[in-house]
């Protein structure tokens, strides 16, 4: 079946990596349902307009991926409007930057609700729909470099001190949530393979998104020093763009990835190696 007859659903599509994925899958020929939380309405509707401007078919679905009824409704609305669901991209994620000893239960619950329960619910309800359609499908999740290697913080070589603290981007609970996505992806791949459904994930390194800007803000050095530190840690010597992740998702979604499942692939310019 050609991509022009297939439907993709992307969560967290109002900005950053989700926006880039939405535009790329639309340019690949998919009709796209784009989801985000209602507080991000203006941004999401702007992305929908961008897709339509480039000649694609898109509509917005507002949902909180941490709530099962809303995820189920999101899938049902997608199928009701576009006729099927062939590619699920569980992209929505959040981060709270604190050291382990300062991280609260509320912080952990917030990140795990979106970063772990969200992909779990998206995988589950997308798979149910794909199984009912009886033609396989693609499920793709958002992991991270922090889900490959436990990190309390991105390595900061350009140390600055203020109020007795080094400038760091603390990722302890976030890292735990992304390890969970990798495990979920592997188990889902095993269980869903018999239905012709592949399940893979992308693991971004530092990428120019709002999360990256927040990292700059939390670092006690200058933005230029922060970027220099990131570039120094990359074998290719540059910082990732959202489109770099979108290219991998495009491949995962394609027929060329038919024999790949259960994998979490780094997209980081050579920062981390399996």
Foldseek 3Di string as FASTA:
>chain_A
DAQLLAEEEFEPLLWFLNLLLVQLSQVSRHAYEYEYAPVSVVSRVVSCVVSVVVPGHYDYQHAQLLDLVSLLVSLVVRCVVRPAYAEYELEDFDADFDAPVPDDPVRLCVRLSRLPSSLVSSLVNNLVRLLVVLPEHEYEYEAAVLLVDPDQFDDQPPWDDDPRDTQTGGCHSVSVSRVNVLVVQQVSQVVRVVSLYAGEYEHEYAEPTVVNVVSQVSHPDHSVSVQQRLLVLAPQRHGHYSNLVSVVSVCSRDPVCSPDHSYYYYSRNHNDDD
